[in-house]
Amino acid sequence: MDPQLENAPIGVVTVRDGIVDEYNERAAEIAPSVAVRGEAITDVFPESVEGSLSDVFGGSSVSETSFEEYYPSIDRWLSVSVEPDTPSVTVYISDVTDRVTQRKELSTLKSEYDRATVVDQLIADVLHGLVDAPSREAILETIRERLGKSDQYRFVWTAEHVVESEELVVDSVSGNQGQVFPAIQETIEDDGNTPERLAIDEQQPQFIASLAEDDSVSERLRVAAFADGAQSVLALPLAYESRVYGVIGIYAETPDAFSDHVRSSFETLGNLAGLAINARQNRKLLFADTITEVTFGLRSHSPLATLTERCGVSLTLDGTVPLDSESLTCYVTVTGGDVNTVVDEATGLQAVTTGRVIRQSDAAGGRIELTLDESAPLVAALTGGANVRSASFEDGTGQVVVEVPPDANVRRLAVELGGDEPAPVLARQDTTESPTTTREFRNDLKDRLTDRQATVLRTAYLAGYFESPRGSTAEEVATSLDITGSTLIHHLRRSQRKLLDVFYEEEPTD
């Protein structure tokens, strides 16, 4: 072989009458099987997916050509050029695996970027629609219509989660449902596993890249997915705090439809949709002329009921202040026992995170402050969109009176309040509330106060800060709120000023 070809940086193989004549060292490195003189080139050259080299040498003559193909036996991409000459044919071989891989990675990244851009805009459109959606049904319809009609996905469906029975009640579907959606419905009816069922049970999004091969779902659904060509699915629970309102199932025809970025965006969508549903329920209660007042019975599941049994006292709820999504500060009047004993006993309960004495009366009793976590029924009531009007406890039992919208699911709220079994409904009545000057006053004040100012003002009021003598010092109230004393005074002054502005019908000062 010519010295220049022998030392060439690419592989060189010379072929006479279809037989390997010579080859250089680089050719033997790239495709070791060609390093055999006297063998047919079509026998020793690696077979590509397309088999182009065999086609070139399979005819009566060899034409000049070049191609770039993947060769599975050596796991490489090769660029091959064939140049006929008399009396031999020269085959030039280059390993282009790195270049092709980089090109494919760039193409994949570009495709992913394009898809993520489309999805982000799609989700932005959905979120914009959520702002004006008046109800849970309208919120879910917005999601179905915007996503189901997108070219990115095959179909989208939603379902309501019925807490008391743990059922999934299908709302509707948008898009090309094919055989998959009927299979989903049949699986749900038979209590089988679907991605959406798993999302509800685990209260976490569920992503499946290859639905037809995933053993976590029913065989009926896998078979339908294989027949339809539906490959990937993302199931999103619609949740707010510990409450799951429903689920969204989004199905696509490609395994790469849900990248990390896309899944993260959809998780945000699910959380915001759950928040929106919760907000619509609370808004109904806030502005409804007619409300439903329900009295529930509470047993040992309630930490306050447990305290009355252990300490032999009666407890009356004076007011509550939500601290965050998972805790609630309660101000409670104790009758018939030592408040210090009650606080000591309370702080040993799992549902009570902190407790302190606010005021001890001369007789047995006084007022205490308790902070409850999300496992307490009172916190569950607020999370479920109810307004706690009053509560009282004695002899290990209790009653809580809540206000809910007329169309609220009282059975669901009973399940959340009761723990192991639904809390009994002791009374229920619808009341019509006429707008009053007091309500207008409170609404006006609420609009002017920031959330933090409202929390500080209510906490100080319930903690006896404004009484004489004071039930709590500024330092004690500040400790309850986990802020400094100076910050407390700042918020109190600002909120009191706004209170006086509303009372004297002055314009806000800020």
Protein backbone atom coordinates (compact mmCIF):
# COMPACT_ATOMS: atom_id res chain seq x y z
CA MET A 1 0.00 0.00 0.00
CA ASP A 2 1.15 3.47 -0.77
CA PRO A 3 2.95 4.96 2.30
CA GLN A 4 0.64 7.96 2.32
CA LEU A 5 -2.40 5.69 2.51
CA GLU A 6 -0.71 3.44 5.04
CA ASN A 7 -0.22 6.39 7.41
CA ALA A 8 -3.54 8.12 6.66
CA PRO A 9 -5.63 9.23 9.68
CA ILE A 10 -8.66 7.43 8.22
CA GLY A 11 -9.15 3.75 7.42
CA VAL A 12 -8.21 2.61 3.92
CA VAL A 13 -9.08 -0.76 2.37
CA THR A 14 -8.23 -1.73 -1.21
CA VAL A 15 -10.43 -4.31 -2.88
CA ARG A 16 -9.75 -6.36 -6.05
CA ASP A 17 -12.60 -8.28 -7.64
CA GLY A 18 -14.54 -7.95 -4.41
CA ILE A 19 -11.70 -9.39 -2.30
CA VAL A 20 -9.77 -7.51 0.40
CA ASP A 21 -6.28 -6.84 -0.95
CA GLU A 22 -4.72 -4.41 1.48
CA TYR A 23 -5.70 -2.30 4.50
CA ASN A 24 -3.96 0.19 6.76
CA GLU A 25 -3.63 0.13 10.53
CA ARG A 26 -6.35 2.71 11.05
CA ALA A 27 -8.88 0.53 9.15
CA ALA A 28 -8.05 -2.40 11.45
CA GLU A 29 -8.64 -0.16 14.49
CA ILE A 30 -11.99 1.13 13.28
CA ALA A 31 -13.36 -2.17 11.90
CA PRO A 32 -11.14 -5.07 13.05
CA SER A 33 -13.01 -7.64 10.95
CA VAL A 34 -11.66 -6.14 7.69
CA ALA A 35 -8.07 -6.96 8.67
CA VAL A 36 -8.18 -10.23 6.71
CA ARG A 37 -6.63 -10.38 3.24
CA GLY A 38 -8.15 -12.67 0.68
CA GLU A 39 -11.72 -12.52 2.05
CA ALA A 40 -14.72 -11.00 0.33
CA ILE A 41 -15.28 -7.43 1.47
CA THR A 42 -18.98 -8.12 1.86
CA ASP A 43 -18.21 -10.95 4.27
CA VAL A 44 -15.73 -9.19 6.54
CA PHE A 45 -17.03 -5.61 6.55
CA PRO A 46 -19.40 -4.98 9.49
CA GLU A 47 -23.07 -5.06 8.52
CA SER A 48 -24.87 -1.75 8.88
CA VAL A 49 -28.57 -1.28 9.56
CA GLU A 50 -29.11 -0.31 5.91
CA GLY A 51 -26.52 -2.72 4.40
CA SER A 52 -25.30 -0.16 1.84
CA LEU A 53 -21.79 -1.57 1.32
CA SER A 54 -23.19 -5.00 0.41
CA ASP A 55 -25.44 -3.33 -2.14
CA VAL A 56 -22.47 -1.45 -3.67
CA PHE A 57 -20.41 -4.63 -4.20
CA GLY A 58 -23.37 -6.87 -4.98
CA GLY A 59 -23.80 -5.70 -8.59
CA SER A 60 -21.83 -6.29 -11.77
CA SER A 61 -19.93 -3.04 -11.32
CA VAL A 62 -18.99 -0.69 -8.49
CA SER A 63 -19.99 2.98 -8.61
CA GLU A 64 -18.54 5.86 -6.67
CA THR A 65 -20.64 6.53 -3.58
CA SER A 66 -20.52 7.55 0.06
CA PHE A 67 -22.81 7.07 3.04
CA GLU A 68 -22.97 7.47 6.81
CA GLU A 69 -24.52 4.62 8.78
CA TYR A 70 -24.71 2.88 12.13
CA TYR A 71 -22.94 -0.48 12.54
CA PRO A 72 -24.40 -2.37 15.52
CA SER A 73 -21.71 -5.09 15.76
CA ILE A 74 -19.04 -2.49 16.57
CA ASP A 75 -21.46 0.09 18.03
CA ARG A 76 -20.11 2.87 15.83
CA TRP A 77 -21.28 5.34 13.24
CA LEU A 78 -19.01 5.15 10.16
CA SER A 79 -18.64 7.43 7.19
CA VAL A 80 -17.81 5.20 4.19
CA SER A 81 -16.65 6.38 0.75
CA VAL A 82 -16.17 4.00 -2.18
CA GLU A 83 -13.97 5.14 -5.10
CA PRO A 84 -13.53 2.74 -8.08
CA ASP A 85 -10.15 2.72 -9.85
CA THR A 86 -8.44 0.34 -12.22
CA PRO A 87 -7.80 -2.40 -11.29
CA SER A 88 -8.96 -1.94 -7.64
CA VAL A 89 -11.61 -0.21 -5.56
CA THR A 90 -10.61 1.87 -2.53
CA VAL A 91 -12.87 2.04 0.51
CA TYR A 92 -12.26 4.94 2.90
CA ILE A 93 -13.57 4.57 6.48
CA SER A 94 -13.97 7.28 9.16
CA ASP A 95 -15.32 6.87 12.69
CA VAL A 96 -17.88 9.67 13.05
CA THR A 97 -19.58 8.35 16.20
CA ASP A 98 -18.70 11.39 18.33
CA ARG A 99 -19.86 13.82 15.67
CA VAL A 100 -23.15 12.01 15.07
CA THR A 101 -23.77 11.64 18.79
CA GLN A 102 -23.16 15.34 19.35
CA ARG A 103 -25.42 16.21 16.43
CA LYS A 104 -28.17 13.97 17.80
CA GLU A 105 -27.77 15.44 21.28
CA LEU A 106 -28.07 18.94 19.89
CA SER A 107 -31.12 17.91 17.91
CA THR A 108 -32.65 16.33 21.01
CA LEU A 109 -31.93 19.43 23.09
CA LYS A 110 -33.46 21.66 20.44
CA SER A 111 -36.55 19.46 20.22
CA GLU A 112 -36.83 19.44 24.00
CA TYR A 113 -36.43 23.21 24.14
CA ASP A 114 -39.10 23.68 21.48
CA ARG A 115 -41.44 21.31 23.32
CA ALA A 116 -40.80 22.96 26.69
CA THR A 117 -41.47 26.38 25.18
CA VAL A 118 -44.78 25.19 23.77
CA VAL A 119 -45.73 23.51 27.07
CA ASP A 120 -44.81 26.58 29.12
CA GLN A 121 -47.00 28.76 26.91
CA LEU A 122 -49.75 26.17 27.09
CA ILE A 123 -49.60 26.11 30.87
CA ALA A 124 -49.55 29.92 30.98
CA ASP A 125 -52.77 29.90 28.94
CA VAL A 126 -54.31 27.38 31.34
CA LEU A 127 -53.31 29.42 34.39
CA HIS A 128 -54.77 32.52 32.78
CA GLY A 129 -58.03 30.61 32.36
CA LEU A 130 -58.00 29.54 36.01
CA VAL A 131 -58.20 33.16 37.14
CA ASP A 132 -61.69 33.58 35.71
CA ALA A 133 -62.96 30.03 36.37
CA PRO A 134 -65.92 30.33 38.78
CA SER A 135 -66.01 26.73 40.04
CA ARG A 136 -64.17 23.42 40.31
CA GLU A 137 -65.95 22.17 37.19
CA ALA A 138 -64.89 25.26 35.22
CA ILE A 139 -61.29 24.92 36.40
CA LEU A 140 -61.06 21.30 35.24
CA GLU A 141 -62.81 22.09 31.95
CA THR A 142 -60.23 24.80 31.30
CA ILE A 143 -57.40 22.32 31.85
CA ARG A 144 -58.98 19.63 29.65
CA GLU A 145 -59.79 21.93 26.77
CA ARG A 146 -56.43 23.72 26.65
CA LEU A 147 -54.30 20.56 26.97
CA GLY A 148 -56.53 18.07 25.16
CA LYS A 149 -56.64 20.16 21.99
CA SER A 150 -52.87 20.64 21.90
CA ASP A 151 -50.77 18.75 19.34
CA GLN A 152 -48.38 17.86 22.15
CA TYR A 153 -50.74 15.32 23.75
CA ARG A 154 -53.10 12.57 22.66
CA PHE A 155 -55.83 13.19 25.24
CA VAL A 156 -56.42 14.61 28.72
CA TRP A 157 -59.03 13.54 31.25
CA THR A 158 -59.96 14.59 34.77
CA ALA A 159 -61.73 12.95 37.70
CA GLU A 160 -63.05 13.97 41.10
CA HIS A 161 -61.70 12.25 44.20
CA VAL A 162 -64.49 11.26 46.61
CA VAL A 163 -62.81 11.16 50.02
CA GLU A 164 -65.36 9.10 51.92
CA SER A 165 -65.39 6.23 49.41
CA GLU A 166 -61.92 6.80 47.87
CA GLU A 167 -63.61 6.64 44.46
CA LEU A 168 -62.54 8.35 41.26
CA VAL A 169 -65.54 9.85 39.49
CA VAL A 170 -64.71 10.64 35.86
CA ASP A 171 -65.54 14.21 34.80
CA SER A 172 -64.78 14.24 31.09
CA VAL A 173 -62.07 13.76 28.45
CA SER A 174 -60.68 15.91 25.67
CA GLY A 175 -58.65 14.68 22.70
CA ASN A 176 -58.22 11.41 20.81
CA GLN A 177 -59.16 8.87 23.48
CA GLY A 178 -58.95 5.76 21.23
CA GLN A 179 -59.03 2.48 23.15
CA VAL A 180 -57.04 3.78 26.12
CA PHE A 181 -59.66 5.96 27.79
CA PRO A 182 -62.39 3.25 27.73
CA ALA A 183 -59.79 0.91 29.23
CA ILE A 184 -59.13 3.48 31.96
CA GLN A 185 -62.84 3.69 32.77
CA GLU A 186 -63.22 -0.09 32.90
CA THR A 187 -60.14 -0.41 35.11
CA ILE A 188 -61.50 2.19 37.54
CA GLU A 189 -64.86 0.39 37.71
CA ASP A 190 -63.03 -2.85 38.56
CA ASP A 191 -60.88 -1.11 41.22
CA GLY A 192 -57.76 -1.76 39.14
CA ASN A 193 -54.61 0.33 39.04
CA THR A 194 -54.26 3.31 36.74
CA PRO A 195 -51.60 6.04 36.88
CA GLU A 196 -54.28 8.38 38.20
CA ARG A 197 -55.23 5.98 41.00
CA LEU A 198 -51.57 5.75 42.01
CA ALA A 199 -51.26 9.56 41.97
CA ILE A 200 -54.23 9.85 44.36
CA ASP A 201 -53.00 7.10 46.70
CA GLU A 202 -49.48 8.50 46.97
CA GLN A 203 -50.52 12.16 46.61
CA GLN A 204 -47.60 12.55 44.21
CA PRO A 205 -47.40 12.98 40.42
CA GLN A 206 -46.90 9.69 38.58
CA PHE A 207 -44.85 9.56 35.37
CA ILE A 208 -44.72 6.48 33.14
CA ALA A 209 -42.51 6.62 30.04
CA SER A 210 -43.70 3.33 28.52
CA LEU A 211 -47.27 2.59 29.54
CA ALA A 212 -47.49 -0.70 27.60
CA GLU A 213 -44.55 -2.15 29.57
CA ASP A 214 -45.30 -0.85 33.09
CA ASP A 215 -46.46 -3.53 35.51
CA SER A 216 -47.80 -0.97 38.02
CA VAL A 217 -50.98 -0.53 35.95
CA SER A 218 -53.61 -3.07 34.89
CA GLU A 219 -53.02 -5.43 31.96
CA ARG A 220 -56.17 -4.12 30.25
CA LEU A 221 -54.68 -0.62 30.18
CA ARG A 222 -51.27 -1.86 28.98
CA VAL A 223 -52.84 -3.77 26.08
CA ALA A 224 -54.93 -0.75 25.04
CA ALA A 225 -51.88 1.52 25.18
CA PHE A 226 -49.90 -0.87 22.96
CA ALA A 227 -52.76 -1.05 20.44
CA ASP A 228 -53.20 2.73 20.32
CA GLY A 229 -49.55 3.68 20.41
CA ALA A 230 -50.00 5.73 23.58
CA GLN A 231 -46.61 5.56 25.25
CA SER A 232 -46.19 8.02 28.09
CA VAL A 233 -48.50 9.44 30.75
CA LEU A 234 -48.29 12.00 33.53
CA ALA A 235 -50.93 11.82 36.28
CA LEU A 236 -51.25 14.91 38.50
CA PRO A 237 -53.17 15.01 41.79
CA LEU A 238 -55.11 18.25 42.30
CA ALA A 239 -54.31 18.94 45.92
CA TYR A 240 -54.21 21.74 48.42
CA GLU A 241 -52.33 20.97 51.63
CA SER A 242 -53.53 17.48 52.69
CA ARG A 243 -56.76 17.63 50.68
CA VAL A 244 -56.92 15.97 47.24
CA TYR A 245 -59.75 17.28 45.06
CA GLY A 246 -59.14 15.21 41.95
CA VAL A 247 -56.63 14.16 39.32
CA ILE A 248 -55.53 14.95 35.77
CA GLY A 249 -54.31 12.26 33.35
CA ILE A 250 -52.22 13.53 30.40
CA TYR A 251 -51.37 10.97 27.69
CA ALA A 252 -48.84 11.32 24.86
CA GLU A 253 -47.67 9.23 21.88
CA THR A 254 -43.92 9.62 22.50
CA PRO A 255 -41.79 8.47 25.44
CA ASP A 256 -40.01 11.84 25.65
CA ALA A 257 -43.11 14.04 25.94
CA PHE A 258 -42.49 14.74 29.64
CA SER A 259 -38.96 15.93 30.40
CA ASP A 260 -37.88 16.98 33.89
CA HIS A 261 -38.66 20.59 33.03
CA VAL A 262 -42.08 19.75 31.59
CA ARG A 263 -42.99 17.56 34.58
CA SER A 264 -41.96 20.32 36.96
CA SER A 265 -44.16 22.81 35.09
CA PHE A 266 -47.10 20.43 35.22
CA GLU A 267 -46.61 19.81 38.94
CA THR A 268 -46.88 23.56 39.46
CA LEU A 269 -50.06 23.54 37.39
CA GLY A 270 -51.56 20.77 39.55
CA ASN A 271 -50.70 22.61 42.76
CA LEU A 272 -52.14 25.90 41.48
CA ALA A 273 -55.30 24.17 40.25
CA GLY A 274 -55.77 22.62 43.72
CA LEU A 275 -55.21 26.03 45.29
CA ALA A 276 -57.71 27.59 42.87
CA ILE A 277 -60.38 24.99 43.71
CA ASN A 278 -59.84 25.58 47.43
CA ALA A 279 -59.99 29.35 46.92
CA ARG A 280 -63.27 29.09 45.00
CA GLN A 281 -64.81 27.14 47.86
CA ASN A 282 -63.62 29.68 50.42
CA ARG A 283 -64.85 32.51 48.22
CA LYS A 284 -68.29 30.90 48.08
CA LEU A 285 -68.41 30.90 51.86
CA LEU A 286 -67.15 34.47 52.17
CA PHE A 287 -69.65 36.05 49.78
CA ALA A 288 -72.65 33.71 50.04
CA ASP A 289 -75.90 35.22 51.30
CA THR A 290 -77.00 31.72 52.34
CA ILE A 291 -74.68 29.46 54.32
CA THR A 292 -75.04 26.02 55.85
CA GLU A 293 -74.30 25.68 59.53
CA VAL A 294 -73.31 22.13 60.53
CA THR A 295 -72.64 20.80 64.01
CA PHE A 296 -70.28 17.80 64.16
CA GLY A 297 -69.59 15.55 67.11
CA LEU A 298 -65.92 14.93 67.98
CA ARG A 299 -64.43 12.10 69.99
CA SER A 300 -60.94 11.03 71.03
CA HIS A 301 -59.59 11.94 67.58
CA SER A 302 -59.71 15.55 68.80
CA PRO A 303 -56.85 16.57 71.13
CA LEU A 304 -59.18 19.03 72.92
CA ALA A 305 -61.69 16.26 73.61
CA THR A 306 -58.86 14.10 74.95
CA LEU A 307 -57.76 16.90 77.30
CA THR A 308 -61.20 17.17 78.92
CA GLU A 309 -61.16 13.48 79.73
CA ARG A 310 -57.63 13.44 81.09
CA CYS A 311 -57.87 16.66 83.09
CA GLY A 312 -61.55 16.62 84.09
CA VAL A 313 -62.19 20.09 82.65
CA SER A 314 -64.46 21.76 80.11
CA LEU A 315 -62.99 23.66 77.18
CA THR A 316 -64.55 26.37 75.01
CA LEU A 317 -62.91 27.61 71.82
CA ASP A 318 -62.70 31.42 71.87
CA GLY A 319 -61.00 31.89 68.50
CA THR A 320 -58.37 30.63 66.10
CA VAL A 321 -55.48 32.08 64.10
CA PRO A 322 -54.09 30.05 61.16
CA LEU A 323 -50.29 30.26 61.26
CA ASP A 324 -49.61 28.44 57.98
CA SER A 325 -51.08 25.69 55.84
CA GLU A 326 -50.41 23.00 58.46
CA SER A 327 -50.93 24.58 61.88
CA LEU A 328 -53.49 26.56 63.82
CA THR A 329 -53.23 28.56 67.05
CA CYS A 330 -56.31 28.16 69.25
CA TYR A 331 -57.35 30.30 72.21
CA VAL A 332 -59.32 28.22 74.68
CA THR A 333 -61.18 28.96 77.92
CA VAL A 334 -60.63 26.30 80.61
CA THR A 335 -63.37 25.68 83.19
CA GLY A 336 -63.14 23.45 86.25
CA GLY A 337 -59.41 22.78 86.46
CA ASP A 338 -55.88 24.11 86.72
CA VAL A 339 -54.74 25.76 83.47
CA ASN A 340 -51.09 24.85 84.05
CA THR A 341 -51.99 21.18 84.34
CA VAL A 342 -54.03 21.38 81.16
CA VAL A 343 -51.15 22.99 79.26
CA ASP A 344 -48.66 20.42 80.56
CA GLU A 345 -50.97 17.59 79.49
CA ALA A 346 -51.69 19.22 76.13
CA THR A 347 -48.05 19.58 75.12
CA GLY A 348 -47.64 15.84 75.57
CA LEU A 349 -50.24 15.13 72.87
CA GLN A 350 -49.04 14.38 69.36
CA ALA A 351 -51.32 16.94 67.68
CA VAL A 352 -50.28 19.83 69.97
CA THR A 353 -46.99 21.50 69.09
CA THR A 354 -46.93 24.31 71.69
CA GLY A 355 -49.00 25.56 74.60
CA ARG A 356 -48.95 28.28 77.24
CA VAL A 357 -51.12 29.89 79.91
CA ILE A 358 -52.52 33.30 78.98
CA ARG A 359 -54.60 33.99 82.08
CA GLN A 360 -55.35 32.10 85.28
CA SER A 361 -58.57 33.10 87.04
CA ASP A 362 -59.07 33.10 90.79
CA ALA A 363 -61.44 30.18 90.47
CA ALA A 364 -60.40 26.99 88.71
CA GLY A 365 -59.89 27.87 85.07
CA GLY A 366 -58.56 30.56 82.76
CA ARG A 367 -57.44 30.96 79.13
CA ILE A 368 -54.71 29.05 77.33
CA GLU A 369 -53.07 29.13 73.91
CA LEU A 370 -52.49 25.87 71.99
CA THR A 371 -50.97 25.38 68.55
CA LEU A 372 -52.35 22.34 66.69
CA ASP A 373 -50.82 20.56 63.71
CA GLU A 374 -52.58 19.25 60.60
CA SER A 375 -53.74 16.03 62.30
CA ALA A 376 -56.21 17.92 64.50
CA PRO A 377 -59.87 18.08 63.33
CA LEU A 378 -60.04 21.88 63.68
CA VAL A 379 -57.16 22.23 61.21
CA ALA A 380 -58.84 19.70 58.90
CA ALA A 381 -62.03 21.79 58.95
CA LEU A 382 -60.22 24.92 57.83
CA THR A 383 -58.28 22.98 55.19
CA GLY A 384 -61.58 21.62 53.89
CA GLY A 385 -62.89 25.14 53.26
CA ALA A 386 -65.07 25.44 56.39
CA ASN A 387 -65.27 28.35 58.80
CA VAL A 388 -65.11 27.24 62.44
CA ARG A 389 -67.78 29.22 64.27
CA SER A 390 -67.58 27.67 67.74
CA ALA A 391 -66.48 24.54 69.58
CA SER A 392 -66.88 23.13 73.07
CA PHE A 393 -65.54 20.00 74.77
CA GLU A 394 -66.23 18.01 77.96
CA ASP A 395 -66.09 14.42 79.24
CA GLY A 396 -63.95 13.25 76.31
CA THR A 397 -66.32 14.45 73.60
CA GLY A 398 -66.89 17.67 71.76
CA GLN A 399 -69.00 19.61 69.32
CA VAL A 400 -67.77 21.93 66.60
CA VAL A 401 -70.04 24.25 64.63
CA VAL A 402 -68.80 25.13 61.16
CA GLU A 403 -70.10 27.23 58.29
CA VAL A 404 -69.87 25.88 54.72
CA PRO A 405 -71.37 26.85 51.36
CA PRO A 406 -74.81 25.30 50.68
CA ASP A 407 -73.37 23.00 48.00
CA ALA A 408 -70.45 21.79 50.15
CA ASN A 409 -69.84 18.06 50.53
CA VAL A 410 -70.73 17.64 54.22
CA ARG A 411 -70.01 13.91 54.08
CA ARG A 412 -66.45 14.58 52.91
CA LEU A 413 -65.90 17.09 55.70
CA ALA A 414 -67.23 14.56 58.23
CA VAL A 415 -64.62 12.06 57.05
CA GLU A 416 -61.81 14.60 57.43
CA LEU A 417 -62.98 15.59 60.90
CA GLY A 418 -63.55 12.06 62.17
CA GLY A 419 -60.27 10.32 61.51
CA ASP A 420 -60.96 6.57 61.53
CA GLU A 421 -64.68 7.03 60.89
CA PRO A 422 -66.86 9.98 59.84
CA ALA A 423 -67.71 12.49 62.55
CA PRO A 424 -71.46 12.34 63.32
CA VAL A 425 -73.58 15.24 62.08
CA LEU A 426 -75.57 16.46 65.11
CA ALA A 427 -77.38 19.36 63.43
CA ARG A 428 -77.60 21.09 60.09
CA GLN A 429 -79.43 24.19 58.96
CA ASP A 430 -79.32 26.76 56.19
CA THR A 431 -79.30 30.39 57.22
CA THR A 432 -79.69 33.54 55.17
CA GLU A 433 -77.41 36.36 56.14
CA SER A 434 -78.33 39.89 55.20
CA PRO A 435 -75.52 42.35 54.52
CA THR A 436 -74.85 44.41 57.61
CA THR A 437 -72.79 47.39 58.50
CA THR A 438 -70.59 45.12 60.62
CA ARG A 439 -69.86 42.81 57.71
CA GLU A 440 -69.07 45.72 55.40
CA PHE A 441 -66.80 47.12 58.08
CA ARG A 442 -64.92 43.84 58.42
CA ASN A 443 -64.60 43.35 54.67
CA ASP A 444 -63.27 46.87 54.25
CA LEU A 445 -60.75 46.36 57.02
CA LYS A 446 -59.71 42.98 55.63
CA ASP A 447 -59.03 44.58 52.25
CA ARG A 448 -56.75 47.18 53.82
CA LEU A 449 -54.80 44.90 56.17
CA THR A 450 -51.98 42.73 54.90
CA ASP A 451 -52.17 39.04 55.84
CA ARG A 452 -49.37 39.52 58.37
CA GLN A 453 -51.01 42.56 59.97
CA ALA A 454 -54.33 40.72 60.28
CA THR A 455 -52.62 37.71 61.89
CA VAL A 456 -50.70 39.85 64.39
CA LEU A 457 -53.76 41.93 65.34
CA ARG A 458 -56.01 38.89 65.85
CA THR A 459 -53.35 37.01 67.80
CA ALA A 460 -52.76 39.96 70.13
CA TYR A 461 -56.52 40.37 70.67
CA LEU A 462 -57.17 36.72 71.46
CA ALA A 463 -54.06 36.50 73.64
CA GLY A 464 -55.43 39.26 75.91
CA TYR A 465 -52.81 41.82 74.95
CA PHE A 466 -55.40 44.63 74.90
CA GLU A 467 -57.01 43.69 78.23
CA SER A 468 -56.27 45.35 81.54
CA PRO A 469 -54.39 43.80 83.15
CA ARG A 470 -52.88 42.25 80.03
CA GLY A 471 -53.26 38.53 79.53
CA SER A 472 -50.05 38.46 77.47
CA THR A 473 -47.06 40.73 77.18
CA ALA A 474 -45.74 41.93 73.84
CA GLU A 475 -42.84 39.51 74.18
CA GLU A 476 -45.19 36.56 74.73
CA VAL A 477 -47.34 37.45 71.72
CA ALA A 478 -44.21 37.95 69.62
CA THR A 479 -42.92 34.53 70.69
CA SER A 480 -46.22 32.93 69.64
CA LEU A 481 -45.77 34.45 66.19
CA ASP A 482 -42.02 33.74 66.04
CA ILE A 483 -41.18 37.43 65.49
CA THR A 484 -39.33 40.06 67.50
CA GLY A 485 -41.05 42.41 69.93
CA SER A 486 -40.22 45.45 67.79
CA THR A 487 -41.71 43.79 64.71
CA LEU A 488 -44.87 43.00 66.69
CA ILE A 489 -45.25 46.62 67.81
CA HIS A 490 -44.68 47.83 64.24
CA HIS A 491 -47.43 45.55 62.87
CA LEU A 492 -49.81 46.43 65.70
CA ARG A 493 -49.42 50.15 65.15
CA ARG A 494 -49.96 49.83 61.41
CA SER A 495 -53.00 47.58 61.79
CA GLN A 496 -54.53 49.75 64.55
CA ARG A 497 -54.12 52.81 62.34
CA LYS A 498 -55.94 51.04 59.50
CA LEU A 499 -58.64 49.94 61.95
CA LEU A 500 -59.19 53.55 62.98
CA ASP A 501 -59.11 54.66 59.34
CA VAL A 502 -62.00 52.32 58.57
CA PHE A 503 -63.90 53.23 61.74
CA TYR A 504 -63.68 56.96 61.07
CA GLU A 505 -64.16 56.48 57.30
CA GLU A 506 -60.78 57.94 56.48
CA GLU A 507 -58.81 57.04 53.35
CA PRO A 508 -55.97 54.54 53.88
CA THR A 509 -52.73 56.20 54.90
CA ASP A 510 -50.62 53.80 52.77
